[in-house]
Amino acid sequence: QVQLVESGGGLVQAGGSLRLSCASSATRFSIYSMSWYRQAPGKQREFVANSYDMDTTSYAGSVKGRFTISRDNAKSTVFLQMNDLKPEDTAVYYCNARFATMEYWGQGTQVTVSA
């Protein structure tokens, strides 16, 4: 079982920045495809960004150019740098780890962007 613990959420004004972290208990962290998802009130959980490995990333169109996903395999941690935040970015952000048939989720961290 892999534990994922997110941190770094909070309240920020529109145009501001936050950096989320997701620390993993995985002993072979580098084999996992790591993603961030988010869920706003009354909406379905949606994909935000993925780090397949150190060199391969992908983003949802709504965050491309504003958010950057990165990972530190030595520290078993994935990050999400969020710049130019908008009120519509308000959501609970979840970390996801996936390898073959295994998939794990963190408990989420709240991000609130005020207008």
N, C-alpha and C. Protein backbone atom coordinates (compact mmCIF):
# COMPACT_ATOMS: atom_id res chain seq x y z
N GLN A 1 0.84 -1.19 0.00
CA GLN A 1 0.00 0.00 0.00
C GLN A 1 0.88 1.24 0.00
N VAL A 2 0.58 2.16 -0.88
CA VAL A 2 1.33 3.41 -0.98
C VAL A 2 0.51 4.54 -0.37
N GLN A 3 1.14 5.28 0.52
CA GLN A 3 0.49 6.44 1.12
C GLN A 3 0.91 7.70 0.38
N LEU A 4 -0.05 8.57 0.13
CA LEU A 4 0.21 9.85 -0.51
C LEU A 4 -0.32 10.95 0.39
N VAL A 5 0.51 11.94 0.68
CA VAL A 5 0.12 13.03 1.56
C VAL A 5 0.36 14.36 0.86
N GLU A 6 -0.73 15.06 0.58
CA GLU A 6 -0.63 16.37 -0.07
C GLU A 6 -0.47 17.48 0.96
N SER A 7 0.16 18.55 0.56
CA SER A 7 0.29 19.74 1.38
C SER A 7 0.48 20.95 0.48
N GLY A 8 0.34 22.14 1.07
CA GLY A 8 0.60 23.37 0.33
C GLY A 8 -0.62 24.13 -0.10
N GLY A 9 -1.80 23.57 0.13
CA GLY A 9 -3.01 24.29 -0.22
C GLY A 9 -3.24 25.49 0.69
N GLY A 10 -4.22 26.29 0.32
CA GLY A 10 -4.54 27.46 1.13
C GLY A 10 -5.41 28.44 0.39
N LEU A 11 -5.50 29.64 0.95
CA LEU A 11 -6.29 30.72 0.37
C LEU A 11 -5.35 31.73 -0.27
N VAL A 12 -5.66 32.09 -1.51
CA VAL A 12 -4.81 33.03 -2.24
C VAL A 12 -5.70 33.91 -3.10
N GLN A 13 -5.23 35.13 -3.36
CA GLN A 13 -5.98 36.02 -4.24
C GLN A 13 -5.74 35.66 -5.70
N ALA A 14 -6.70 36.02 -6.53
CA ALA A 14 -6.55 35.81 -7.96
C ALA A 14 -5.25 36.45 -8.45
N GLY A 15 -4.54 35.72 -9.31
CA GLY A 15 -3.25 36.19 -9.80
C GLY A 15 -2.08 35.69 -8.97
N GLY A 16 -2.36 35.12 -7.83
CA GLY A 16 -1.32 34.63 -6.95
C GLY A 16 -0.83 33.24 -7.32
N SER A 17 0.06 32.71 -6.48
CA SER A 17 0.68 31.42 -6.74
C SER A 17 0.64 30.54 -5.49
N LEU A 18 0.61 29.26 -5.73
CA LEU A 18 0.75 28.25 -4.68
C LEU A 18 1.58 27.10 -5.23
N ARG A 19 2.25 26.39 -4.33
CA ARG A 19 2.98 25.19 -4.72
C ARG A 19 2.50 24.04 -3.87
N LEU A 20 1.90 23.05 -4.52
CA LEU A 20 1.44 21.86 -3.83
C LEU A 20 2.54 20.80 -3.85
N SER A 21 2.58 20.02 -2.78
CA SER A 21 3.50 18.90 -2.69
C SER A 21 2.73 17.64 -2.38
N CYS A 22 3.23 16.53 -2.86
CA CYS A 22 2.64 15.22 -2.57
C CYS A 22 3.79 14.28 -2.23
N ALA A 23 3.87 13.92 -0.96
CA ALA A 23 4.92 13.02 -0.51
C ALA A 23 4.39 11.59 -0.53
N SER A 24 5.20 10.69 -1.08
CA SER A 24 4.79 9.30 -1.24
C SER A 24 5.62 8.38 -0.36
N SER A 25 4.98 7.29 0.09
CA SER A 25 5.70 6.28 0.86
C SER A 25 6.27 5.19 -0.04
N ALA A 26 6.07 5.32 -1.33
CA ALA A 26 6.52 4.29 -2.27
C ALA A 26 8.04 4.14 -2.23
N THR A 27 8.50 2.91 -2.20
CA THR A 27 9.94 2.65 -2.18
C THR A 27 10.54 2.72 -3.58
N ARG A 28 9.72 2.52 -4.59
CA ARG A 28 10.17 2.62 -5.98
C ARG A 28 9.35 3.69 -6.68
N PHE A 29 9.48 4.89 -6.17
CA PHE A 29 8.64 6.01 -6.61
C PHE A 29 8.76 6.26 -8.11
N SER A 30 9.94 6.06 -8.66
CA SER A 30 10.18 6.43 -10.06
C SER A 30 9.34 5.62 -11.04
N ILE A 31 8.82 4.47 -10.64
CA ILE A 31 8.05 3.66 -11.57
C ILE A 31 6.61 4.15 -11.71
N TYR A 32 6.20 5.04 -10.82
CA TYR A 32 4.81 5.47 -10.81
C TYR A 32 4.59 6.67 -11.72
N SER A 33 3.49 6.61 -12.45
CA SER A 33 2.98 7.78 -13.15
C SER A 33 2.22 8.60 -12.10
N MET A 34 2.64 9.87 -11.94
CA MET A 34 2.07 10.71 -10.90
C MET A 34 1.20 11.81 -11.52
N SER A 35 0.04 12.00 -10.94
CA SER A 35 -0.89 12.99 -11.48
C SER A 35 -1.50 13.83 -10.37
N TRP A 36 -1.99 14.97 -10.78
CA TRP A 36 -2.82 15.81 -9.93
C TRP A 36 -4.21 15.89 -10.57
N TYR A 37 -5.22 15.75 -9.71
CA TYR A 37 -6.60 15.94 -10.09
C TYR A 37 -7.20 16.98 -9.15
N ARG A 38 -8.36 17.49 -9.52
CA ARG A 38 -9.05 18.42 -8.64
C ARG A 38 -10.55 18.21 -8.73
N GLN A 39 -11.22 18.58 -7.65
CA GLN A 39 -12.68 18.46 -7.61
C GLN A 39 -13.26 19.70 -6.96
N ALA A 40 -14.02 20.45 -7.73
CA ALA A 40 -14.71 21.62 -7.22
C ALA A 40 -16.07 21.21 -6.67
N PRO A 41 -16.65 22.01 -5.77
CA PRO A 41 -17.95 21.68 -5.20
C PRO A 41 -19.01 21.46 -6.28
N GLY A 42 -19.71 20.34 -6.21
CA GLY A 42 -20.77 20.05 -7.15
C GLY A 42 -20.31 19.58 -8.51
N LYS A 43 -19.00 19.37 -8.66
CA LYS A 43 -18.47 18.95 -9.96
C LYS A 43 -17.73 17.62 -9.82
N GLN A 44 -17.51 16.97 -10.95
CA GLN A 44 -16.76 15.72 -10.95
C GLN A 44 -15.26 16.01 -10.84
N ARG A 45 -14.55 15.04 -10.34
CA ARG A 45 -13.10 15.16 -10.27
C ARG A 45 -12.55 15.23 -11.69
N GLU A 46 -11.57 16.13 -11.90
CA GLU A 46 -11.02 16.30 -13.23
C GLU A 46 -9.50 16.25 -13.20
N PHE A 47 -8.95 15.82 -14.30
CA PHE A 47 -7.50 15.74 -14.48
C PHE A 47 -6.91 17.14 -14.56
N VAL A 48 -5.75 17.32 -13.93
CA VAL A 48 -5.04 18.60 -13.99
C VAL A 48 -3.70 18.45 -14.69
N ALA A 49 -2.88 17.53 -14.22
CA ALA A 49 -1.54 17.40 -14.79
C ALA A 49 -0.98 16.01 -14.48
N ASN A 50 -0.08 15.56 -15.33
CA ASN A 50 0.55 14.25 -15.17
C ASN A 50 2.05 14.33 -15.41
N SER A 51 2.78 13.60 -14.58
CA SER A 51 4.21 13.37 -14.80
C SER A 51 4.39 11.88 -14.99
N TYR A 52 4.51 11.45 -16.22
CA TYR A 52 4.66 10.02 -16.50
C TYR A 52 6.05 9.55 -16.04
N ASP A 53 7.04 10.37 -16.32
CA ASP A 53 8.38 10.14 -15.82
C ASP A 53 9.05 11.51 -15.71
N MET A 54 10.35 11.52 -15.53
CA MET A 54 11.04 12.80 -15.33
C MET A 54 10.94 13.71 -16.56
N ASP A 55 10.72 13.12 -17.73
CA ASP A 55 10.79 13.90 -18.97
C ASP A 55 9.46 14.07 -19.69
N THR A 56 8.41 13.40 -19.21
CA THR A 56 7.14 13.39 -19.94
C THR A 56 6.03 13.93 -19.05
N THR A 57 5.44 15.05 -19.47
CA THR A 57 4.35 15.66 -18.71
C THR A 57 3.19 15.98 -19.64
N SER A 58 2.02 16.14 -19.06
CA SER A 58 0.85 16.57 -19.81
C SER A 58 -0.05 17.39 -18.89
N TYR A 59 -0.88 18.23 -19.49
CA TYR A 59 -1.71 19.15 -18.73
C TYR A 59 -3.11 19.25 -19.31
N ALA A 60 -4.06 19.57 -18.46
CA ALA A 60 -5.37 19.95 -18.93
C ALA A 60 -5.27 21.30 -19.61
N GLY A 61 -6.10 21.51 -20.60
CA GLY A 61 -6.04 22.76 -21.35
C GLY A 61 -6.26 23.99 -20.48
N SER A 62 -7.08 23.84 -19.44
CA SER A 62 -7.44 24.98 -18.60
C SER A 62 -6.27 25.47 -17.73
N VAL A 63 -5.24 24.65 -17.57
CA VAL A 63 -4.12 25.04 -16.71
C VAL A 63 -2.80 25.16 -17.46
N LYS A 64 -2.80 24.74 -18.71
CA LYS A 64 -1.56 24.75 -19.48
C LYS A 64 -1.00 26.16 -19.58
N GLY A 65 0.28 26.29 -19.30
CA GLY A 65 0.92 27.60 -19.31
C GLY A 65 0.90 28.30 -17.97
N ARG A 66 0.07 27.80 -17.04
CA ARG A 66 0.00 28.40 -15.70
C ARG A 66 0.52 27.45 -14.63
N PHE A 67 0.28 26.16 -14.81
CA PHE A 67 0.68 25.16 -13.82
C PHE A 67 1.86 24.35 -14.37
N THR A 68 2.73 23.93 -13.46
CA THR A 68 3.86 23.08 -13.82
C THR A 68 3.98 21.93 -12.84
N ILE A 69 3.98 20.71 -13.37
CA ILE A 69 4.18 19.53 -12.54
C ILE A 69 5.65 19.12 -12.60
N SER A 70 6.18 18.72 -11.47
CA SER A 70 7.56 18.24 -11.43
C SER A 70 7.65 17.16 -10.36
N ARG A 71 8.76 16.43 -10.37
CA ARG A 71 8.92 15.35 -9.41
C ARG A 71 10.37 15.26 -8.97
N ASP A 72 10.54 14.82 -7.74
CA ASP A 72 11.87 14.54 -7.20
C ASP A 72 11.86 13.07 -6.80
N ASN A 73 12.38 12.22 -7.66
CA ASN A 73 12.32 10.78 -7.40
C ASN A 73 13.14 10.40 -6.16
N ALA A 74 14.19 11.13 -5.89
CA ALA A 74 15.02 10.83 -4.72
C ALA A 74 14.25 11.07 -3.42
N LYS A 75 13.31 12.02 -3.46
CA LYS A 75 12.52 12.34 -2.27
C LYS A 75 11.09 11.80 -2.36
N SER A 76 10.82 11.03 -3.43
CA SER A 76 9.49 10.42 -3.60
C SER A 76 8.38 11.45 -3.48
N THR A 77 8.57 12.56 -4.14
CA THR A 77 7.64 13.68 -4.03
C THR A 77 7.33 14.24 -5.41
N VAL A 78 6.08 14.62 -5.61
CA VAL A 78 5.66 15.31 -6.82
C VAL A 78 5.11 16.67 -6.41
N PHE A 79 5.33 17.64 -7.27
CA PHE A 79 4.93 19.02 -6.99
C PHE A 79 3.99 19.54 -8.07
N LEU A 80 3.22 20.54 -7.70
CA LEU A 80 2.42 21.26 -8.68
C LEU A 80 2.57 22.75 -8.38
N GLN A 81 3.32 23.43 -9.23
CA GLN A 81 3.47 24.88 -9.12
C GLN A 81 2.32 25.53 -9.88
N MET A 82 1.55 26.33 -9.17
CA MET A 82 0.37 26.95 -9.75
C MET A 82 0.54 28.46 -9.74
N ASN A 83 0.61 29.05 -10.91
CA ASN A 83 0.77 30.49 -11.06
C ASN A 83 -0.48 31.10 -11.70
N ASP A 84 -0.61 32.41 -11.54
CA ASP A 84 -1.75 33.13 -12.13
C ASP A 84 -3.07 32.43 -11.80
N LEU A 85 -3.26 32.16 -10.53
CA LEU A 85 -4.45 31.42 -10.12
C LEU A 85 -5.72 32.23 -10.35
N LYS A 86 -6.78 31.52 -10.69
CA LYS A 86 -8.08 32.12 -10.98
C LYS A 86 -9.12 31.54 -10.02
N PRO A 87 -10.20 32.27 -9.79
CA PRO A 87 -11.25 31.73 -8.90
C PRO A 87 -11.75 30.36 -9.35
N GLU A 88 -11.76 30.11 -10.62
CA GLU A 88 -12.22 28.80 -11.12
C GLU A 88 -11.24 27.67 -10.83
N ASP A 89 -10.07 27.98 -10.31
CA ASP A 89 -9.13 26.96 -9.87
C ASP A 89 -9.45 26.45 -8.47
N THR A 90 -10.41 27.09 -7.80
CA THR A 90 -10.80 26.67 -6.46
C THR A 90 -11.32 25.24 -6.47
N ALA A 91 -10.72 24.39 -5.66
CA ALA A 91 -11.08 22.97 -5.62
C ALA A 91 -10.25 22.27 -4.55
N VAL A 92 -10.60 21.03 -4.30
CA VAL A 92 -9.73 20.15 -3.54
C VAL A 92 -8.82 19.46 -4.55
N TYR A 93 -7.53 19.54 -4.33
CA TYR A 93 -6.55 18.96 -5.23
C TYR A 93 -6.05 17.63 -4.67
N TYR A 94 -6.08 16.61 -5.52
CA TYR A 94 -5.70 15.26 -5.12
C TYR A 94 -4.48 14.78 -5.90
N CYS A 95 -3.63 14.08 -5.20
CA CYS A 95 -2.48 13.43 -5.80
C CYS A 95 -2.85 11.99 -6.15
N ASN A 96 -2.36 11.51 -7.28
CA ASN A 96 -2.66 10.16 -7.75
C ASN A 96 -1.38 9.49 -8.21
N ALA A 97 -1.22 8.23 -7.82
CA ALA A 97 -0.08 7.43 -8.26
C ALA A 97 -0.61 6.19 -8.96
N ARG A 98 -0.02 5.86 -10.10
CA ARG A 98 -0.51 4.73 -10.87
C ARG A 98 0.66 3.94 -11.46
N PHE A 99 0.58 2.60 -11.35
CA PHE A 99 1.54 1.72 -12.01
C PHE A 99 0.86 0.40 -12.28
N ALA A 100 0.79 0.01 -13.51
CA ALA A 100 0.11 -1.22 -13.93
C ALA A 100 -1.33 -1.16 -13.40
N THR A 101 -1.73 -2.15 -12.60
CA THR A 101 -3.10 -2.17 -12.08
C THR A 101 -3.23 -1.48 -10.73
N MET A 102 -2.14 -0.97 -10.22
CA MET A 102 -2.15 -0.32 -8.91
C MET A 102 -2.43 1.17 -9.05
N GLU A 103 -3.29 1.68 -8.18
CA GLU A 103 -3.62 3.10 -8.20
C GLU A 103 -3.90 3.56 -6.77
N TYR A 104 -3.35 4.72 -6.43
CA TYR A 104 -3.49 5.24 -5.08
C TYR A 104 -3.85 6.72 -5.14
N TRP A 105 -4.59 7.17 -4.11
CA TRP A 105 -5.01 8.56 -4.01
C TRP A 105 -4.61 9.14 -2.65
N GLY A 106 -4.32 10.41 -2.64
CA GLY A 106 -4.13 11.11 -1.40
C GLY A 106 -5.46 11.60 -0.86
N GLN A 107 -5.40 12.27 0.28
CA GLN A 107 -6.64 12.72 0.94
C GLN A 107 -7.09 14.08 0.43
N GLY A 108 -6.24 14.77 -0.30
CA GLY A 108 -6.61 16.05 -0.89
C GLY A 108 -6.18 17.24 -0.07
N THR A 109 -5.98 18.36 -0.75
CA THR A 109 -5.67 19.62 -0.09
C THR A 109 -6.49 20.72 -0.74
N GLN A 110 -7.07 21.58 0.09
CA GLN A 110 -7.99 22.60 -0.41
C GLN A 110 -7.22 23.80 -0.96
N VAL A 111 -7.60 24.22 -2.14
CA VAL A 111 -7.09 25.45 -2.74
C VAL A 111 -8.27 26.37 -2.98
N THR A 112 -8.21 27.57 -2.41
CA THR A 112 -9.28 28.54 -2.58
C THR A 112 -8.69 29.83 -3.14
N VAL A 113 -9.24 30.27 -4.27
CA VAL A 113 -8.76 31.48 -4.93
C VAL A 113 -9.87 32.53 -4.86
N SER A 114 -9.59 33.63 -4.22
CA SER A 114 -10.58 34.70 -4.09
C SER A 114 -10.43 35.70 -5.23
N ALA A 115 -11.56 36.27 -5.61
CA ALA A 115 -11.55 37.22 -6.75
C ALA A 115 -10.97 38.56 -6.34
